[in-house]
Amino acid sequence: MTTDTGSPDLEQVAAAVEGCPLVADLSGGRFGEVAAYLPGHRIVGVRVVGGEVEVHVVAGWGTPLPDVAQAVREAVGPAAGGLPVAVFIEDIVVPDRPEGDPVGTS
């Protein structure tokens, strides 16, 4: 939900993303730089930059990525405080793939 000022509730944004069945996880980016810093804690995978809410995710396998992005936008819209939502798909979880084994080499 949003506050009276129309600013995004980033804790609610993160919770909405975590509840999205097409998303495996939130992503902190390559170096863990994607996060919102709040008093006493940080929320990995969401931040506000340039007047938009950025959401960085790891997608589940088997759904077209534009559909994943749209599902995330719809899930977090009510908590975004009226700001546009930009979705960045950082990775995809591939089922039954040994860790470190790149896709297409088996």
PDB file of N, CA and C in Angstrom:
ATOM      1  N   MET A   1       0.819  -1.162   0.000  1.00  0.00           N
ATOM      2  CA  MET A   1       0.000   0.000   0.000  1.00  0.00           C
ATOM      3  C   MET A   1       0.878   1.245   0.000  1.00  0.00           C
ATOM      4  N   THR A   2       0.309   2.363  -0.337  1.00  0.00           N
ATOM      5  CA  THR A   2       1.092   3.587  -0.434  1.00  0.00           C
ATOM      6  C   THR A   2       0.848   4.462   0.774  1.00  0.00           C
ATOM      7  N   THR A   3       1.761   5.395   0.979  1.00  0.00           N
ATOM      8  CA  THR A   3       1.575   6.352   2.049  1.00  0.00           C
ATOM      9  C   THR A   3       0.772   7.524   1.498  1.00  0.00           C
ATOM     10  N   ASP A   4       0.384   8.477   2.372  1.00  0.00           N
ATOM     11  CA  ASP A   4      -0.392   9.633   1.934  1.00  0.00           C
ATOM     12  C   ASP A   4       0.370  10.508   0.954  1.00  0.00           C
ATOM     13  N   THR A   5       1.684  10.486   1.002  1.00  0.00           N
ATOM     14  CA  THR A   5       2.483  11.323   0.116  1.00  0.00           C
ATOM     15  C   THR A   5       2.633  10.716  -1.268  1.00  0.00           C
ATOM     16  N   GLY A   6       2.146   9.494  -1.462  1.00  0.00           N
ATOM     17  CA  GLY A   6       2.281   8.852  -2.758  1.00  0.00           C
ATOM     18  C   GLY A   6       3.641   8.222  -2.957  1.00  0.00           C
ATOM     19  N   SER A   7       4.453   8.151  -1.911  1.00  0.00           N
ATOM     20  CA  SER A   7       5.754   7.509  -2.053  1.00  0.00           C
ATOM     21  C   SER A   7       5.580   5.998  -1.958  1.00  0.00           C
ATOM     22  N   PRO A   8       6.458   5.255  -2.636  1.00  0.00           N
ATOM     23  CA  PRO A   8       6.302   3.801  -2.641  1.00  0.00           C
ATOM     24  C   PRO A   8       6.603   3.178  -1.281  1.00  0.00           C
ATOM     25  N   ASP A   9       5.929   2.100  -0.993  1.00  0.00           N
ATOM     26  CA  ASP A   9       6.205   1.295   0.199  1.00  0.00           C
ATOM     27  C   ASP A   9       7.062   0.126  -0.267  1.00  0.00           C
ATOM     28  N   LEU A  10       8.369   0.264  -0.145  1.00  0.00           N
ATOM     29  CA  LEU A  10       9.285  -0.720  -0.716  1.00  0.00           C
ATOM     30  C   LEU A  10       9.233  -2.067  -0.005  1.00  0.00           C
ATOM     31  N   GLU A  11       8.860  -2.086   1.254  1.00  0.00           N
ATOM     32  CA  GLU A  11       8.664  -3.374   1.931  1.00  0.00           C
ATOM     33  C   GLU A  11       7.490  -4.118   1.310  1.00  0.00           C
ATOM     34  N   GLN A  12       6.417  -3.393   0.989  1.00  0.00           N
ATOM     35  CA  GLN A  12       5.268  -4.016   0.334  1.00  0.00           C
ATOM     36  C   GLN A  12       5.601  -4.419  -1.103  1.00  0.00           C
ATOM     37  N   VAL A  13       6.428  -3.617  -1.778  1.00  0.00           N
ATOM     38  CA  VAL A  13       6.870  -3.978  -3.130  1.00  0.00           C
ATOM     39  C   VAL A  13       7.600  -5.312  -3.082  1.00  0.00           C
ATOM     40  N   ALA A  14       8.558  -5.435  -2.170  1.00  0.00           N
ATOM     41  CA  ALA A  14       9.323  -6.684  -2.051  1.00  0.00           C
ATOM     42  C   ALA A  14       8.411  -7.862  -1.706  1.00  0.00           C
ATOM     43  N   ALA A  15       7.469  -7.656  -0.796  1.00  0.00           N
ATOM     44  CA  ALA A  15       6.553  -8.731  -0.416  1.00  0.00           C
ATOM     45  C   ALA A  15       5.690  -9.154  -1.602  1.00  0.00           C
ATOM     46  N   ALA A  16       5.250  -8.196  -2.409  1.00  0.00           N
ATOM     47  CA  ALA A  16       4.434  -8.520  -3.580  1.00  0.00           C
ATOM     48  C   ALA A  16       5.231  -9.323  -4.594  1.00  0.00           C
ATOM     49  N   VAL A  17       6.495  -8.962  -4.784  1.00  0.00           N
ATOM     50  CA  VAL A  17       7.349  -9.703  -5.719  1.00  0.00           C
ATOM     51  C   VAL A  17       7.564 -11.117  -5.204  1.00  0.00           C
ATOM     52  N   GLU A  18       7.854 -11.254  -3.935  1.00  0.00           N
ATOM     53  CA  GLU A  18       8.088 -12.581  -3.362  1.00  0.00           C
ATOM     54  C   GLU A  18       6.847 -13.466  -3.462  1.00  0.00           C
ATOM     55  N   GLY A  19       5.667 -12.862  -3.531  1.00  0.00           N
ATOM     56  CA  GLY A  19       4.440 -13.627  -3.672  1.00  0.00           C
ATOM     57  C   GLY A  19       4.066 -13.935  -5.115  1.00  0.00           C
ATOM     58  N   CYS A  20       4.832 -13.428  -6.049  1.00  0.00           N
ATOM     59  CA  CYS A  20       4.546 -13.646  -7.470  1.00  0.00           C
ATOM     60  C   CYS A  20       5.050 -15.032  -7.884  1.00  0.00           C
ATOM     61  N   PRO A  21       4.167 -15.922  -8.360  1.00  0.00           N
ATOM     62  CA  PRO A  21       4.574 -17.293  -8.659  1.00  0.00           C
ATOM     63  C   PRO A  21       5.555 -17.427  -9.827  1.00  0.00           C
ATOM     64  N   LEU A  22       5.691 -16.404 -10.655  1.00  0.00           N
ATOM     65  CA  LEU A  22       6.621 -16.472 -11.787  1.00  0.00           C
ATOM     66  C   LEU A  22       8.035 -16.037 -11.416  1.00  0.00           C
ATOM     67  N   VAL A  23       8.204 -15.586 -10.173  1.00  0.00           N
ATOM     68  CA  VAL A  23       9.501 -15.084  -9.707  1.00  0.00           C
ATOM     69  C   VAL A  23      10.099 -16.057  -8.710  1.00  0.00           C
ATOM     70  N   ALA A  24      11.344 -16.451  -8.941  1.00  0.00           N
ATOM     71  CA  ALA A  24      12.033 -17.351  -8.024  1.00  0.00           C
ATOM     72  C   ALA A  24      12.617 -16.601  -6.828  1.00  0.00           C
ATOM     73  N   ASP A  25      13.056 -15.342  -7.061  1.00  0.00           N
ATOM     74  CA  ASP A  25      13.700 -14.588  -5.987  1.00  0.00           C
ATOM     75  C   ASP A  25      13.905 -13.151  -6.428  1.00  0.00           C
ATOM     76  N   LEU A  26      14.173 -12.291  -5.471  1.00  0.00           N
ATOM     77  CA  LEU A  26      14.656 -10.943  -5.758  1.00  0.00           C
ATOM     78  C   LEU A  26      16.160 -11.029  -5.985  1.00  0.00           C
ATOM     79  N   SER A  27      16.709 -10.100  -6.743  1.00  0.00           N
ATOM     80  CA  SER A  27      18.143 -10.107  -7.032  1.00  0.00           C
ATOM     81  C   SER A  27      18.773  -8.800  -6.595  1.00  0.00           C
ATOM     82  N   GLY A  28      19.916  -8.920  -5.955  1.00  0.00           N
ATOM     83  CA  GLY A  28      20.663  -7.744  -5.538  1.00  0.00           C
ATOM     84  C   GLY A  28      21.589  -7.205  -6.612  1.00  0.00           C
ATOM     85  N   GLY A  29      21.552  -7.805  -7.797  1.00  0.00           N
ATOM     86  CA  GLY A  29      22.455  -7.364  -8.862  1.00  0.00           C
ATOM     87  C   GLY A  29      23.783  -8.083  -8.753  1.00  0.00           C
ATOM     88  N   ARG A  30      24.626  -7.836  -9.720  1.00  0.00           N
ATOM     89  CA  ARG A  30      25.915  -8.531  -9.790  1.00  0.00           C
ATOM     90  C   ARG A  30      26.770  -8.335  -8.545  1.00  0.00           C
ATOM     91  N   PHE A  31      26.752  -7.130  -8.000  1.00  0.00           N
ATOM     92  CA  PHE A  31      27.611  -6.827  -6.857  1.00  0.00           C
ATOM     93  C   PHE A  31      26.813  -6.523  -5.581  1.00  0.00           C
ATOM     94  N   GLY A  32      25.533  -6.883  -5.588  1.00  0.00           N
ATOM     95  CA  GLY A  32      24.695  -6.627  -4.427  1.00  0.00           C
ATOM     96  C   GLY A  32      24.311  -5.175  -4.262  1.00  0.00           C
ATOM     97  N   GLU A  33      24.426  -4.414  -5.340  1.00  0.00           N
ATOM     98  CA  GLU A  33      24.201  -2.977  -5.274  1.00  0.00           C
ATOM     99  C   GLU A  33      22.732  -2.571  -5.336  1.00  0.00           C
ATOM    100  N   VAL A  34      21.864  -3.488  -5.720  1.00  0.00           N
ATOM    101  CA  VAL A  34      20.449  -3.148  -5.844  1.00  0.00           C
ATOM    102  C   VAL A  34      19.761  -3.403  -4.513  1.00  0.00           C
ATOM    103  N   ALA A  35      19.464  -2.333  -3.823  1.00  0.00           N
ATOM    104  CA  ALA A  35      18.808  -2.451  -2.524  1.00  0.00           C
ATOM    105  C   ALA A  35      18.271  -1.093  -2.103  1.00  0.00           C
ATOM    106  N   ALA A  36      17.245  -1.136  -1.290  1.00  0.00           N
ATOM    107  CA  ALA A  36      16.730   0.063  -0.641  1.00  0.00           C
ATOM    108  C   ALA A  36      17.239   0.028   0.797  1.00  0.00           C
ATOM    109  N   TYR A  37      17.750   1.151   1.242  1.00  0.00           N
ATOM    110  CA  TYR A  37      18.293   1.235   2.591  1.00  0.00           C
ATOM    111  C   TYR A  37      17.309   1.985   3.480  1.00  0.00           C
ATOM    112  N   LEU A  38      16.774   1.262   4.449  1.00  0.00           N
ATOM    113  CA  LEU A  38      15.823   1.823   5.392  1.00  0.00           C
ATOM    114  C   LEU A  38      16.432   1.788   6.783  1.00  0.00           C
ATOM    115  N   PRO A  39      15.890   2.543   7.721  1.00  0.00           N
ATOM    116  CA  PRO A  39      16.465   2.539   9.061  1.00  0.00           C
ATOM    117  C   PRO A  39      16.539   1.120   9.641  1.00  0.00           C
ATOM    118  N   GLY A  40      17.726   0.672   9.917  1.00  0.00           N
ATOM    119  CA  GLY A  40      17.941  -0.616  10.556  1.00  0.00           C
ATOM    120  C   GLY A  40      17.994  -1.819   9.642  1.00  0.00           C
ATOM    121  N   HIS A  41      17.685  -1.673   8.367  1.00  0.00           N
ATOM    122  CA  HIS A  41      17.756  -2.812   7.455  1.00  0.00           C
ATOM    123  C   HIS A  41      17.748  -2.339   6.004  1.00  0.00           C
ATOM    124  N   ARG A  42      17.991  -3.293   5.126  1.00  0.00           N
ATOM    125  CA  ARG A  42      17.925  -2.999   3.700  1.00  0.00           C
ATOM    126  C   ARG A  42      17.051  -4.038   3.022  1.00  0.00           C
ATOM    127  N   ILE A  43      16.472  -3.643   1.914  1.00  0.00           N
ATOM    128  CA  ILE A  43      15.608  -4.533   1.151  1.00  0.00           C
ATOM    129  C   ILE A  43      16.303  -4.800  -0.174  1.00  0.00           C
ATOM    130  N   VAL A  44      16.741  -6.026  -0.361  1.00  0.00           N
ATOM    131  CA  VAL A  44      17.481  -6.408  -1.564  1.00  0.00           C
ATOM    132  C   VAL A  44      16.525  -6.557  -2.738  1.00  0.00           C
ATOM    133  N   GLY A  45      16.948  -6.022  -3.888  1.00  0.00           N
ATOM    134  CA  GLY A  45      16.218  -6.227  -5.133  1.00  0.00           C
ATOM    135  C   GLY A  45      15.252  -5.133  -5.515  1.00  0.00           C
ATOM    136  N   VAL A  46      15.039  -4.156  -4.660  1.00  0.00           N
ATOM    137  CA  VAL A  46      14.172  -3.026  -4.996  1.00  0.00           C
ATOM    138  C   VAL A  46      14.856  -1.724  -4.623  1.00  0.00           C
ATOM    139  N   ARG A  47      14.560  -0.686  -5.407  1.00  0.00           N
ATOM    140  CA  ARG A  47      15.064   0.647  -5.100  1.00  0.00           C
ATOM    141  C   ARG A  47      14.291   1.652  -5.944  1.00  0.00           C
ATOM    142  N   VAL A  48      14.417   2.919  -5.583  1.00  0.00           N
ATOM    143  CA  VAL A  48      13.827   4.000  -6.362  1.00  0.00           C
ATOM    144  C   VAL A  48      14.975   4.774  -6.996  1.00  0.00           C
ATOM    145  N   VAL A  49      14.922   4.884  -8.322  1.00  0.00           N
ATOM    146  CA  VAL A  49      15.958   5.600  -9.076  1.00  0.00           C
ATOM    147  C   VAL A  49      15.262   6.433 -10.146  1.00  0.00           C
ATOM    148  N   GLY A  50      15.601   7.707 -10.203  1.00  0.00           N
ATOM    149  CA  GLY A  50      15.092   8.561 -11.272  1.00  0.00           C
ATOM    150  C   GLY A  50      13.580   8.599 -11.384  1.00  0.00           C
ATOM    151  N   GLY A  51      12.894   8.559 -10.273  1.00  0.00           N
ATOM    152  CA  GLY A  51      11.440   8.655 -10.291  1.00  0.00           C
ATOM    153  C   GLY A  51      10.700   7.394 -10.672  1.00  0.00           C
ATOM    154  N   GLU A  52      11.386   6.254 -10.628  1.00  0.00           N
ATOM    155  CA  GLU A  52      10.706   4.986 -10.876  1.00  0.00           C
ATOM    156  C   GLU A  52      11.169   3.939  -9.870  1.00  0.00           C
ATOM    157  N   VAL A  53      10.299   2.978  -9.635  1.00  0.00           N
ATOM    158  CA  VAL A  53      10.634   1.861  -8.754  1.00  0.00           C
ATOM    159  C   VAL A  53      11.303   0.799  -9.610  1.00  0.00           C
ATOM    160  N   GLU A  54      12.524   0.426  -9.248  1.00  0.00           N
ATOM    161  CA  GLU A  54      13.234  -0.664  -9.930  1.00  0.00           C
ATOM    162  C   GLU A  54      13.040  -1.937  -9.125  1.00  0.00           C
ATOM    163  N   VAL A  55      12.700  -3.006  -9.835  1.00  0.00           N
ATOM    164  CA  VAL A  55      12.560  -4.322  -9.223  1.00  0.00           C
ATOM    165  C   VAL A  55      13.452  -5.274 -10.005  1.00  0.00           C
ATOM    166  N   HIS A  56      14.402  -5.913  -9.328  1.00  0.00           N
ATOM    167  CA  HIS A  56      15.352  -6.833  -9.951  1.00  0.00           C
ATOM    168  C   HIS A  56      15.026  -8.235  -9.472  1.00  0.00           C
ATOM    169  N   VAL A  57      14.776  -9.141 -10.431  1.00  0.00           N
ATOM    170  CA  VAL A  57      14.291 -10.469 -10.067  1.00  0.00           C
ATOM    171  C   VAL A  57      15.064 -11.582 -10.763  1.00  0.00           C
ATOM    172  N   VAL A  58      14.894 -12.773 -10.204  1.00  0.00           N
ATOM    173  CA  VAL A  58      15.308 -14.022 -10.833  1.00  0.00           C
ATOM    174  C   VAL A  58      14.006 -14.708 -11.234  1.00  0.00           C
ATOM    175  N   ALA A  59      13.862 -14.970 -12.524  1.00  0.00           N
ATOM    176  CA  ALA A  59      12.627 -15.568 -13.036  1.00  0.00           C
ATOM    177  C   ALA A  59      12.667 -17.079 -12.917  1.00  0.00           C
ATOM    178  N   GLY A  60      11.496 -17.655 -12.806  1.00  0.00           N
ATOM    179  CA  GLY A  60      11.383 -19.102 -12.884  1.00  0.00           C
ATOM    180  C   GLY A  60      11.434 -19.525 -14.342  1.00  0.00           C
ATOM    181  N   TRP A  61      11.705 -20.782 -14.576  1.00  0.00           N
ATOM    182  CA  TRP A  61      11.825 -21.340 -15.922  1.00  0.00           C
ATOM    183  C   TRP A  61      10.444 -21.558 -16.538  1.00  0.00           C
ATOM    184  N   GLY A  62      10.336 -21.354 -17.844  1.00  0.00           N
ATOM    185  CA  GLY A  62       9.163 -21.801 -18.570  1.00  0.00           C
ATOM    186  C   GLY A  62       8.130 -20.748 -18.902  1.00  0.00           C
ATOM    187  N   THR A  63       8.307 -19.522 -18.489  1.00  0.00           N
ATOM    188  CA  THR A  63       7.362 -18.460 -18.805  1.00  0.00           C
ATOM    189  C   THR A  63       8.086 -17.411 -19.640  1.00  0.00           C
ATOM    190  N   PRO A  64       7.475 -16.928 -20.711  1.00  0.00           N
ATOM    191  CA  PRO A  64       8.115 -15.862 -21.487  1.00  0.00           C
ATOM    192  C   PRO A  64       8.447 -14.667 -20.585  1.00  0.00           C
ATOM    193  N   LEU A  65       9.627 -14.125 -20.754  1.00  0.00           N
ATOM    194  CA  LEU A  65      10.092 -13.063 -19.863  1.00  0.00           C
ATOM    195  C   LEU A  65       9.212 -11.818 -19.880  1.00  0.00           C
ATOM    196  N   PRO A  66       8.646 -11.414 -21.027  1.00  0.00           N
ATOM    197  CA  PRO A  66       7.717 -10.275 -20.962  1.00  0.00           C
ATOM    198  C   PRO A  66       6.516 -10.553 -20.052  1.00  0.00           C
ATOM    199  N   ASP A  67       6.081 -11.797 -19.983  1.00  0.00           N
ATOM    200  CA  ASP A  67       4.977 -12.157 -19.092  1.00  0.00           C
ATOM    201  C   ASP A  67       5.398 -12.063 -17.632  1.00  0.00           C
ATOM    202  N   VAL A  68       6.637 -12.452 -17.346  1.00  0.00           N
ATOM    203  CA  VAL A  68       7.156 -12.328 -15.978  1.00  0.00           C
ATOM    204  C   VAL A  68       7.177 -10.851 -15.581  1.00  0.00           C
ATOM    205  N   ALA A  69       7.710 -10.008 -16.453  1.00  0.00           N
ATOM    206  CA  ALA A  69       7.799  -8.577 -16.154  1.00  0.00           C
ATOM    207  C   ALA A  69       6.417  -7.977 -15.932  1.00  0.00           C
ATOM    208  N   GLN A  70       5.459  -8.343 -16.759  1.00  0.00           N
ATOM    209  CA  GLN A  70       4.103  -7.815 -16.608  1.00  0.00           C
ATOM    210  C   GLN A  70       3.468  -8.283 -15.304  1.00  0.00           C
ATOM    211  N   ALA A  71       3.675  -9.530 -14.943  1.00  0.00           N
ATOM    212  CA  ALA A  71       3.137 -10.044 -13.682  1.00  0.00           C
ATOM    213  C   ALA A  71       3.731  -9.307 -12.490  1.00  0.00           C
ATOM    214  N   VAL A  72       5.023  -9.007 -12.556  1.00  0.00           N
ATOM    215  CA  VAL A  72       5.668  -8.255 -11.472  1.00  0.00           C
ATOM    216  C   VAL A  72       5.088  -6.846 -11.402  1.00  0.00           C
ATOM    217  N   ARG A  73       4.959  -6.178 -12.542  1.00  0.00           N
ATOM    218  CA  ARG A  73       4.398  -4.824 -12.556  1.00  0.00           C
ATOM    219  C   ARG A  73       2.993  -4.809 -11.944  1.00  0.00           C
ATOM    220  N   GLU A  74       2.180  -5.777 -12.315  1.00  0.00           N
ATOM    221  CA  GLU A  74       0.824  -5.841 -11.780  1.00  0.00           C
ATOM    222  C   GLU A  74       0.822  -6.123 -10.282  1.00  0.00           C
ATOM    223  N   ALA A  75       1.721  -6.973  -9.829  1.00  0.00           N
ATOM    224  CA  ALA A  75       1.771  -7.322  -8.407  1.00  0.00           C
ATOM    225  C   ALA A  75       2.213  -6.143  -7.546  1.00  0.00           C
ATOM    226  N   VAL A  76       3.174  -5.371  -8.019  1.00  0.00           N
ATOM    227  CA  VAL A  76       3.729  -4.303  -7.186  1.00  0.00           C
ATOM    228  C   VAL A  76       3.068  -2.951  -7.413  1.00  0.00           C
ATOM    229  N   GLY A  77       2.262  -2.830  -8.445  1.00  0.00           N
ATOM    230  CA  GLY A  77       1.632  -1.551  -8.767  1.00  0.00           C
ATOM    231  C   GLY A  77       0.978  -0.848  -7.593  1.00  0.00           C
ATOM    232  N   PRO A  78       0.142  -1.541  -6.806  1.00  0.00           N
ATOM    233  CA  PRO A  78      -0.518  -0.864  -5.686  1.00  0.00           C
ATOM    234  C   PRO A  78       0.444  -0.318  -4.627  1.00  0.00           C
ATOM    235  N   ALA A  79       1.626  -0.889  -4.511  1.00  0.00           N
ATOM    236  CA  ALA A  79       2.593  -0.437  -3.502  1.00  0.00           C
ATOM    237  C   ALA A  79       3.599   0.571  -4.059  1.00  0.00           C
ATOM    238  N   ALA A  80       3.535   0.848  -5.360  1.00  0.00           N
ATOM    239  CA  ALA A  80       4.547   1.695  -6.007  1.00  0.00           C
ATOM    240  C   ALA A  80       4.293   3.187  -5.849  1.00  0.00           C
ATOM    241  N   GLY A  81       3.237   3.573  -5.192  1.00  0.00           N
ATOM    242  CA  GLY A  81       2.991   4.988  -4.928  1.00  0.00           C
ATOM    243  C   GLY A  81       2.746   5.808  -6.181  1.00  0.00           C
ATOM    244  N   GLY A  82       2.237   5.172  -7.215  1.00  0.00           N
ATOM    245  CA  GLY A  82       1.978   5.900  -8.455  1.00  0.00           C
ATOM    246  C   GLY A  82       3.183   6.048  -9.364  1.00  0.00           C
ATOM    247  N   LEU A  83       4.344   5.570  -8.923  1.00  0.00           N
ATOM    248  CA  LEU A  83       5.545   5.639  -9.759  1.00  0.00           C
ATOM    249  C   LEU A  83       5.544   4.508 -10.775  1.00  0.00           C
ATOM    250  N   PRO A  84       6.171   4.729 -11.937  1.00  0.00           N
ATOM    251  CA  PRO A  84       6.315   3.619 -12.884  1.00  0.00           C
ATOM    252  C   PRO A  84       7.227   2.549 -12.291  1.00  0.00           C
ATOM    253  N   VAL A  85       7.014   1.310 -12.728  1.00  0.00           N
ATOM    254  CA  VAL A  85       7.796   0.176 -12.230  1.00  0.00           C
ATOM    255  C   VAL A  85       8.628  -0.385 -13.376  1.00  0.00           C
ATOM    256  N   ALA A  86       9.942  -0.418 -13.188  1.00  0.00           N
ATOM    257  CA  ALA A  86      10.858  -1.015 -14.160  1.00  0.00           C
ATOM    258  C   ALA A  86      11.309  -2.361 -13.619  1.00  0.00           C
ATOM    259  N   VAL A  87      11.150  -3.398 -14.432  1.00  0.00           N
ATOM    260  CA  VAL A  87      11.496  -4.751 -14.006  1.00  0.00           C
ATOM    261  C   VAL A  87      12.755  -5.185 -14.747  1.00  0.00           C
ATOM    262  N   PHE A  88      13.735  -5.649 -13.996  1.00  0.00           N
ATOM    263  CA  PHE A  88      14.990  -6.150 -14.547  1.00  0.00           C
ATOM    264  C   PHE A  88      15.086  -7.630 -14.205  1.00  0.00           C
ATOM    265  N   ILE A  89      15.151  -8.466 -15.223  1.00  0.00           N
ATOM    266  CA  ILE A  89      15.288  -9.906 -14.993  1.00  0.00           C
ATOM    267  C   ILE A  89      16.771 -10.226 -15.049  1.00  0.00           C
ATOM    268  N   GLU A  90      17.336 -10.487 -13.884  1.00  0.00           N
ATOM    269  CA  GLU A  90      18.776 -10.665 -13.732  1.00  0.00           C
ATOM    270  C   GLU A  90      19.238 -12.076 -14.058  1.00  0.00           C
ATOM    271  N   ASP A  91      18.339 -13.058 -13.880  1.00  0.00           N
ATOM    272  CA  ASP A  91      18.722 -14.452 -14.066  1.00  0.00           C
ATOM    273  C   ASP A  91      17.453 -15.279 -14.221  1.00  0.00           C
ATOM    274  N   ILE A  92      17.632 -16.541 -14.605  1.00  0.00           N
ATOM    275  CA  ILE A  92      16.531 -17.474 -14.730  1.00  0.00           C
ATOM    276  C   ILE A  92      16.938 -18.762 -14.027  1.00  0.00           C
ATOM    277  N   VAL A  93      16.048 -19.304 -13.204  1.00  0.00           N
ATOM    278  CA  VAL A  93      16.311 -20.572 -12.551  1.00  0.00           C
ATOM    279  C   VAL A  93      15.990 -21.681 -13.544  1.00  0.00           C
ATOM    280  N   VAL A  94      16.988 -22.505 -13.841  1.00  0.00           N
ATOM    281  CA  VAL A  94      16.812 -23.625 -14.758  1.00  0.00           C
ATOM    282  C   VAL A  94      16.672 -24.891 -13.910  1.00  0.00           C
ATOM    283  N   PRO A  95      15.562 -25.614 -14.053  1.00  0.00           N
ATOM    284  CA  PRO A  95      15.363 -26.801 -13.216  1.00  0.00           C
ATOM    285  C   PRO A  95      16.319 -27.928 -13.575  1.00  0.00           C
ATOM    286  N   ASP A  96      16.686 -28.693 -12.570  1.00  0.00           N
ATOM    287  CA  ASP A  96      17.509 -29.895 -12.751  1.00  0.00           C
ATOM    288  C   ASP A  96      18.816 -29.640 -13.482  1.00  0.00           C
ATOM    289  N   ARG A  97      19.424 -28.503 -13.247  1.00  0.00           N
ATOM    290  CA  ARG A  97      20.703 -28.169 -13.879  1.00  0.00           C
ATOM    291  C   ARG A  97      21.761 -28.143 -12.769  1.00  0.00           C
ATOM    292  N   PRO A  98      22.824 -28.947 -12.891  1.00  0.00           N
ATOM    293  CA  PRO A  98      23.879 -28.901 -11.878  1.00  0.00           C
ATOM    294  C   PRO A  98      24.434 -27.479 -11.746  1.00  0.00           C
ATOM    295  N   GLU A  99      24.711 -27.085 -10.522  1.00  0.00           N
ATOM    296  CA  GLU A  99      25.240 -25.749 -10.282  1.00  0.00           C
ATOM    297  C   GLU A  99      26.535 -25.546 -11.049  1.00  0.00           C
ATOM    298  N   GLY A 100      26.648 -24.413 -11.706  1.00  0.00           N
ATOM    299  CA  GLY A 100      27.857 -24.090 -12.469  1.00  0.00           C
ATOM    300  C   GLY A 100      27.865 -24.657 -13.875  1.00  0.00           C
ATOM    301  N   ASP A 101      26.859 -25.456 -14.237  1.00  0.00           N
ATOM    302  CA  ASP A 101      26.791 -26.029 -15.577  1.00  0.00           C
ATOM    303  C   ASP A 101      26.009 -25.068 -16.464  1.00  0.00           C
ATOM    304  N   PRO A 102      26.663 -24.380 -17.405  1.00  0.00           N
ATOM    305  CA  PRO A 102      25.952 -23.428 -18.249  1.00  0.00           C
ATOM    306  C   PRO A 102      24.890 -24.130 -19.087  1.00  0.00           C
ATOM    307  N   VAL A 103      23.828 -23.413 -19.371  1.00  0.00           N
ATOM    308  CA  VAL A 103      22.741 -23.945 -20.200  1.00  0.00           C
ATOM    309  C   VAL A 103      23.279 -24.274 -21.580  1.00  0.00           C
ATOM    310  N   GLY A 104      22.908 -25.434 -22.086  1.00  0.00           N
ATOM    311  CA  GLY A 104      23.290 -25.811 -23.455  1.00  0.00           C
ATOM    312  C   GLY A 104      24.591 -26.568 -23.574  1.00  0.00           C
ATOM    313  N   THR A 105      25.241 -26.901 -22.457  1.00  0.00           N
ATOM    314  CA  THR A 105      26.516 -27.623 -22.568  1.00  0.00           C
ATOM    315  C   THR A 105      26.395 -29.088 -22.207  1.00  0.00           C
ATOM    316  N   SER A 106      25.217 -29.500 -21.730  1.00  0.00           N
ATOM    317  CA  SER A 106      25.060 -30.912 -21.342  1.00  0.00           C
ATOM    318  C   SER A 106      24.595 -31.745 -22.499  1.00  0.00           C
TER     319      SER A 106
END
